[in-house]
Amino acid sequence: MFLFEVIKRTPFMVWGILALLITRGLNATKDGEISFAKMLIMPLAFIIWGLEKLFSSFQYLNIALICYVVAAGIGSFAGYVLYARFRRIYKKDGVFYRTGSYLPLVIILVNFLIKYILNVILAIQPDFHRNLDFNVIYSVICGFSVGLFLGGFYQVFVGCRRYEESRIREF
């Protein structure tokens, strides 16, 4: 019954966002042309979502921001390593492409689910906005998940650059 109530009280917009995220994740399972502008959409959306909550609600903002930034750095490293392992960059007809991978879909869904759960907890227990432990946990999770996206972005940037450098050395 509890789960049904949570789902029922979730704003319709949240389900629309989930549908959009799933669509983007499924598109990433196929090879695709690289667009750095499009690649920034997902990290920026999650950065705004996470930071808005920190700035508007959390009592321990300074600690939360430090945790967020440190976790984003760690997440960026983890994202770079993961994407470097599961995705390749190549060039065809003068355009860069990335190989398809289920990794972005998994990261998107896990990220959404965790943030959804954390925000449900905050809706049920508003006092957690003033709880140091929860502020830290929320900040670390949000920062790490944003870092995963940023690491993927950086992996594409490095992959394109290395590809170009390897072509220059061939001449």
C-alpha atoms as a PDB file:
ATOM      1  CA  MET A   1       0.000   0.000   0.000  1.00  0.00           C
ATOM      2  CA  PHE A   2       2.842   2.387   0.856  1.00  0.00           C
ATOM      3  CA  LEU A   3       4.486   1.949  -2.555  1.00  0.00           C
ATOM      4  CA  PHE A   4       1.174   2.569  -4.309  1.00  0.00           C
ATOM      5  CA  GLU A   5       0.701   5.809  -2.350  1.00  0.00           C
ATOM      6  CA  VAL A   6       4.208   6.989  -3.200  1.00  0.00           C
ATOM      7  CA  ILE A   7       3.681   6.319  -6.904  1.00  0.00           C
ATOM      8  CA  LYS A   8       0.221   7.902  -6.836  1.00  0.00           C
ATOM      9  CA  ARG A   9       1.518  11.085  -5.209  1.00  0.00           C
ATOM     10  CA  THR A  10       4.459  11.429  -7.577  1.00  0.00           C
ATOM     11  CA  PRO A  11       3.892  14.408  -9.890  1.00  0.00           C
ATOM     12  CA  PHE A  12       3.136  13.423 -13.483  1.00  0.00           C
ATOM     13  CA  MET A  13       6.101  15.510 -14.638  1.00  0.00           C
ATOM     14  CA  VAL A  14       8.456  13.069 -12.882  1.00  0.00           C
ATOM     15  CA  TRP A  15       7.159  10.195 -15.009  1.00  0.00           C
ATOM     16  CA  GLY A  16       7.614  12.316 -18.120  1.00  0.00           C
ATOM     17  CA  ILE A  17      11.206  12.988 -17.124  1.00  0.00           C
ATOM     18  CA  LEU A  18      11.750   9.264 -16.549  1.00  0.00           C
ATOM     19  CA  ALA A  19      10.375   8.500 -20.033  1.00  0.00           C
ATOM     20  CA  LEU A  20      12.744  11.072 -21.540  1.00  0.00           C
ATOM     21  CA  LEU A  21      15.693   9.632 -19.612  1.00  0.00           C
ATOM     22  CA  ILE A  22      14.883   6.088 -20.722  1.00  0.00           C
ATOM     23  CA  THR A  23      14.642   7.264 -24.335  1.00  0.00           C
ATOM     24  CA  ARG A  24      18.046   8.951 -24.113  1.00  0.00           C
ATOM     25  CA  GLY A  25      19.535   5.872 -22.464  1.00  0.00           C
ATOM     26  CA  LEU A  26      18.131   3.550 -25.129  1.00  0.00           C
ATOM     27  CA  ASN A  27      19.476   5.828 -27.870  1.00  0.00           C
ATOM     28  CA  ALA A  28      22.930   5.502 -26.294  1.00  0.00           C
ATOM     29  CA  THR A  29      22.836   1.717 -26.799  1.00  0.00           C
ATOM     30  CA  LYS A  30      23.403   2.308 -30.522  1.00  0.00           C
ATOM     31  CA  ASP A  31      26.382   3.888 -32.217  1.00  0.00           C
ATOM     32  CA  GLY A  32      25.818   7.598 -32.589  1.00  0.00           C
ATOM     33  CA  GLU A  33      27.331  10.822 -33.777  1.00  0.00           C
ATOM     34  CA  ILE A  34      29.049  12.768 -31.024  1.00  0.00           C
ATOM     35  CA  SER A  35      27.510  16.087 -30.072  1.00  0.00           C
ATOM     36  CA  PHE A  36      29.218  17.710 -27.113  1.00  0.00           C
ATOM     37  CA  ALA A  37      26.263  20.056 -26.615  1.00  0.00           C
ATOM     38  CA  LYS A  38      23.815  17.137 -26.365  1.00  0.00           C
ATOM     39  CA  MET A  39      26.187  15.264 -24.075  1.00  0.00           C
ATOM     40  CA  LEU A  40      26.046  18.136 -21.595  1.00  0.00           C
ATOM     41  CA  ILE A  41      22.250  18.040 -21.282  1.00  0.00           C
ATOM     42  CA  MET A  42      22.118  15.078 -18.899  1.00  0.00           C
ATOM     43  CA  PRO A  43      24.873  16.216 -16.506  1.00  0.00           C
ATOM     44  CA  LEU A  44      23.472  19.747 -16.418  1.00  0.00           C
ATOM     45  CA  ALA A  45      19.965  18.483 -15.664  1.00  0.00           C
ATOM     46  CA  PHE A  46      21.212  16.352 -12.774  1.00  0.00           C
ATOM     47  CA  ILE A  47      23.501  19.134 -11.513  1.00  0.00           C
ATOM     48  CA  ILE A  48      20.591  21.577 -11.431  1.00  0.00           C
ATOM     49  CA  TRP A  49      18.293  18.999  -9.818  1.00  0.00           C
ATOM     50  CA  GLY A  50      20.815  18.165  -7.088  1.00  0.00           C
ATOM     51  CA  LEU A  51      22.095  21.661  -6.364  1.00  0.00           C
ATOM     52  CA  GLU A  52      18.604  23.143  -6.304  1.00  0.00           C
ATOM     53  CA  LYS A  53      17.729  20.808  -3.447  1.00  0.00           C
ATOM     54  CA  LEU A  54      20.954  21.605  -1.588  1.00  0.00           C
ATOM     55  CA  PHE A  55      20.601  25.385  -1.899  1.00  0.00           C
ATOM     56  CA  SER A  56      16.883  25.560  -1.251  1.00  0.00           C
ATOM     57  CA  SER A  57      16.479  23.085   1.588  1.00  0.00           C
ATOM     58  CA  PHE A  58      19.579  21.786   3.313  1.00  0.00           C
ATOM     59  CA  GLN A  59      20.685  23.241   6.621  1.00  0.00           C
ATOM     60  CA  TYR A  60      24.330  22.168   6.305  1.00  0.00           C
ATOM     61  CA  LEU A  61      24.932  23.760   2.903  1.00  0.00           C
ATOM     62  CA  ASN A  62      28.701  24.291   3.231  1.00  0.00           C
ATOM     63  CA  ILE A  63      29.354  20.695   4.263  1.00  0.00           C
ATOM     64  CA  ALA A  64      26.906  19.438   1.639  1.00  0.00           C
ATOM     65  CA  LEU A  65      28.662  21.399  -1.125  1.00  0.00           C
ATOM     66  CA  ILE A  66      32.097  20.134  -0.106  1.00  0.00           C
ATOM     67  CA  CYS A  67      30.800  16.559  -0.108  1.00  0.00           C
ATOM     68  CA  TYR A  68      29.097  17.144  -3.467  1.00  0.00           C
ATOM     69  CA  VAL A  69      32.249  18.481  -5.137  1.00  0.00           C
ATOM     70  CA  VAL A  70      34.538  15.768  -3.720  1.00  0.00           C
ATOM     71  CA  ALA A  71      32.073  13.038  -4.712  1.00  0.00           C
ATOM     72  CA  ALA A  72      31.710  14.585  -8.188  1.00  0.00           C
ATOM     73  CA  GLY A  73      35.485  14.348  -8.603  1.00  0.00           C
ATOM     74  CA  ILE A  74      35.523  10.703  -7.547  1.00  0.00           C
ATOM     75  CA  GLY A  75      32.491   9.988  -9.742  1.00  0.00           C
ATOM     76  CA  SER A  76      34.187  11.672 -12.709  1.00  0.00           C
ATOM     77  CA  PHE A  77      37.174   9.383 -12.355  1.00  0.00           C
ATOM     78  CA  ALA A  78      34.918   6.318 -12.029  1.00  0.00           C
ATOM     79  CA  GLY A  79      32.842   7.453 -15.020  1.00  0.00           C
ATOM     80  CA  TYR A  80      35.939   7.970 -17.145  1.00  0.00           C
ATOM     81  CA  VAL A  81      37.239   4.497 -16.296  1.00  0.00           C
ATOM     82  CA  LEU A  82      33.866   2.836 -16.936  1.00  0.00           C
ATOM     83  CA  TYR A  83      33.232   4.592 -20.231  1.00  0.00           C
ATOM     84  CA  ALA A  84      36.801   3.997 -21.417  1.00  0.00           C
ATOM     85  CA  ARG A  85      36.200   0.304 -20.856  1.00  0.00           C
ATOM     86  CA  PHE A  86      32.760   0.018 -22.445  1.00  0.00           C
ATOM     87  CA  ARG A  87      32.740   2.652 -25.195  1.00  0.00           C
ATOM     88  CA  ARG A  88      35.023   3.492 -28.105  1.00  0.00           C
ATOM     89  CA  ILE A  89      35.367   6.599 -30.242  1.00  0.00           C
ATOM     90  CA  TYR A  90      35.819   6.417 -33.993  1.00  0.00           C
ATOM     91  CA  LYS A  91      35.662   8.732 -36.976  1.00  0.00           C
ATOM     92  CA  LYS A  92      33.726   8.141 -40.177  1.00  0.00           C
ATOM     93  CA  ASP A  93      33.410  10.593 -43.057  1.00  0.00           C
ATOM     94  CA  GLY A  94      35.040  13.314 -40.964  1.00  0.00           C
ATOM     95  CA  VAL A  95      32.566  12.933 -38.085  1.00  0.00           C
ATOM     96  CA  PHE A  96      33.251  11.453 -34.650  1.00  0.00           C
ATOM     97  CA  TYR A  97      31.042   8.631 -33.392  1.00  0.00           C
ATOM     98  CA  ARG A  98      30.811   6.684 -30.166  1.00  0.00           C
ATOM     99  CA  THR A  99      29.997   3.009 -29.992  1.00  0.00           C
ATOM    100  CA  GLY A 100      26.718   2.041 -28.397  1.00  0.00           C
ATOM    101  CA  SER A 101      26.695   0.877 -24.808  1.00  0.00           C
ATOM    102  CA  TYR A 102      24.141   0.004 -22.154  1.00  0.00           C
ATOM    103  CA  LEU A 103      26.283   1.791 -19.567  1.00  0.00           C
ATOM    104  CA  PRO A 104      24.564   5.198 -19.984  1.00  0.00           C
ATOM    105  CA  LEU A 105      21.124   3.590 -19.635  1.00  0.00           C
ATOM    106  CA  VAL A 106      22.182   1.808 -16.450  1.00  0.00           C
ATOM    107  CA  ILE A 107      23.729   4.978 -15.014  1.00  0.00           C
ATOM    108  CA  ILE A 108      20.633   7.018 -15.904  1.00  0.00           C
ATOM    109  CA  LEU A 109      18.197   4.530 -14.366  1.00  0.00           C
ATOM    110  CA  VAL A 110      20.198   3.957 -11.190  1.00  0.00           C
ATOM    111  CA  ASN A 111      20.723   7.701 -10.832  1.00  0.00           C
ATOM    112  CA  PHE A 112      17.013   8.413 -11.261  1.00  0.00           C
ATOM    113  CA  LEU A 113      15.945   5.647  -8.886  1.00  0.00           C
ATOM    114  CA  ILE A 114      18.313   6.706  -6.118  1.00  0.00           C
ATOM    115  CA  LYS A 115      17.369  10.390  -6.408  1.00  0.00           C
ATOM    116  CA  TYR A 116      13.691   9.466  -6.530  1.00  0.00           C
ATOM    117  CA  ILE A 117      14.056   7.426  -3.329  1.00  0.00           C
ATOM    118  CA  LEU A 118      16.011  10.197  -1.593  1.00  0.00           C
ATOM    119  CA  ASN A 119      13.384  12.776  -2.514  1.00  0.00           C
ATOM    120  CA  VAL A 120      10.570  10.479  -1.341  1.00  0.00           C
ATOM    121  CA  ILE A 121      12.405  10.159   1.976  1.00  0.00           C
ATOM    122  CA  LEU A 122      12.608  13.956   2.188  1.00  0.00           C
ATOM    123  CA  ALA A 123       8.899  14.269   1.405  1.00  0.00           C
ATOM    124  CA  ILE A 124       8.050  11.791   4.171  1.00  0.00           C
ATOM    125  CA  GLN A 125      10.638  13.084   6.660  1.00  0.00           C
ATOM    126  CA  PRO A 126      11.082  16.839   6.049  1.00  0.00           C
ATOM    127  CA  ASP A 127      13.201  17.041   9.213  1.00  0.00           C
ATOM    128  CA  PHE A 128      15.991  15.336   7.246  1.00  0.00           C
ATOM    129  CA  HIS A 129      16.643  18.688   5.574  1.00  0.00           C
ATOM    130  CA  ARG A 130      18.182  19.624   8.923  1.00  0.00           C
ATOM    131  CA  ASN A 131      19.944  16.296   9.499  1.00  0.00           C
ATOM    132  CA  LEU A 132      23.705  16.393   8.944  1.00  0.00           C
ATOM    133  CA  ASP A 133      24.000  12.697   8.086  1.00  0.00           C
ATOM    134  CA  PHE A 134      21.253  12.894   5.470  1.00  0.00           C
ATOM    135  CA  ASN A 135      22.683  16.117   4.015  1.00  0.00           C
ATOM    136  CA  VAL A 136      26.031  14.367   3.566  1.00  0.00           C
ATOM    137  CA  ILE A 137      24.530  11.157   2.130  1.00  0.00           C
ATOM    138  CA  TYR A 138      22.339  13.067  -0.329  1.00  0.00           C
ATOM    139  CA  SER A 139      25.236  15.298  -1.410  1.00  0.00           C
ATOM    140  CA  VAL A 140      27.659  12.427  -1.893  1.00  0.00           C
ATOM    141  CA  ILE A 141      25.182  10.417  -3.957  1.00  0.00           C
ATOM    142  CA  CYS A 142      24.194  13.402  -6.109  1.00  0.00           C
ATOM    143  CA  GLY A 143      27.795  14.486  -6.618  1.00  0.00           C
ATOM    144  CA  PHE A 144      29.006  10.992  -7.470  1.00  0.00           C
ATOM    145  CA  SER A 145      26.205  10.406  -9.977  1.00  0.00           C
ATOM    146  CA  VAL A 146      26.844  13.738 -11.701  1.00  0.00           C
ATOM    147  CA  GLY A 147      30.521  12.825 -11.788  1.00  0.00           C
ATOM    148  CA  LEU A 148      29.711   9.610 -13.657  1.00  0.00           C
ATOM    149  CA  PHE A 149      28.162  11.681 -16.447  1.00  0.00           C
ATOM    150  CA  LEU A 150      31.040  14.164 -16.451  1.00  0.00           C
ATOM    151  CA  GLY A 151      33.545  11.311 -16.625  1.00  0.00           C
ATOM    152  CA  GLY A 152      31.722   9.968 -19.676  1.00  0.00           C
ATOM    153  CA  PHE A 153      31.859  13.404 -21.278  1.00  0.00           C
ATOM    154  CA  TYR A 154      35.577  13.666 -20.553  1.00  0.00           C
ATOM    155  CA  GLN A 155      36.178  10.166 -21.955  1.00  0.00           C
ATOM    156  CA  VAL A 156      34.656  11.240 -25.284  1.00  0.00           C
ATOM    157  CA  PHE A 157      36.719  14.436 -25.305  1.00  0.00           C
ATOM    158  CA  VAL A 158      39.926  12.497 -24.614  1.00  0.00           C
ATOM    159  CA  GLY A 159      38.975   9.796 -27.129  1.00  0.00           C
ATOM    160  CA  CYS A 160      38.457  12.351 -29.913  1.00  0.00           C
ATOM    161  CA  ARG A 161      41.696  14.087 -29.074  1.00  0.00           C
ATOM    162  CA  ARG A 162      43.703  10.853 -28.982  1.00  0.00           C
ATOM    163  CA  TYR A 163      42.200   9.783 -32.286  1.00  0.00           C
ATOM    164  CA  GLU A 164      43.299  13.042 -33.916  1.00  0.00           C
ATOM    165  CA  GLU A 165      46.766  12.844 -32.345  1.00  0.00           C
ATOM    166  CA  SER A 166      47.231   9.279 -33.583  1.00  0.00           C
ATOM    167  CA  ARG A 167      46.363  10.393 -37.132  1.00  0.00           C
ATOM    168  CA  ILE A 168      48.871  13.252 -36.957  1.00  0.00           C
ATOM    169  CA  ARG A 169      51.647  10.871 -35.856  1.00  0.00           C
ATOM    170  CA  GLU A 170      50.935   8.611 -38.841  1.00  0.00           C
ATOM    171  CA  PHE A 171      52.041  11.359 -41.232  1.00  0.00           C
END
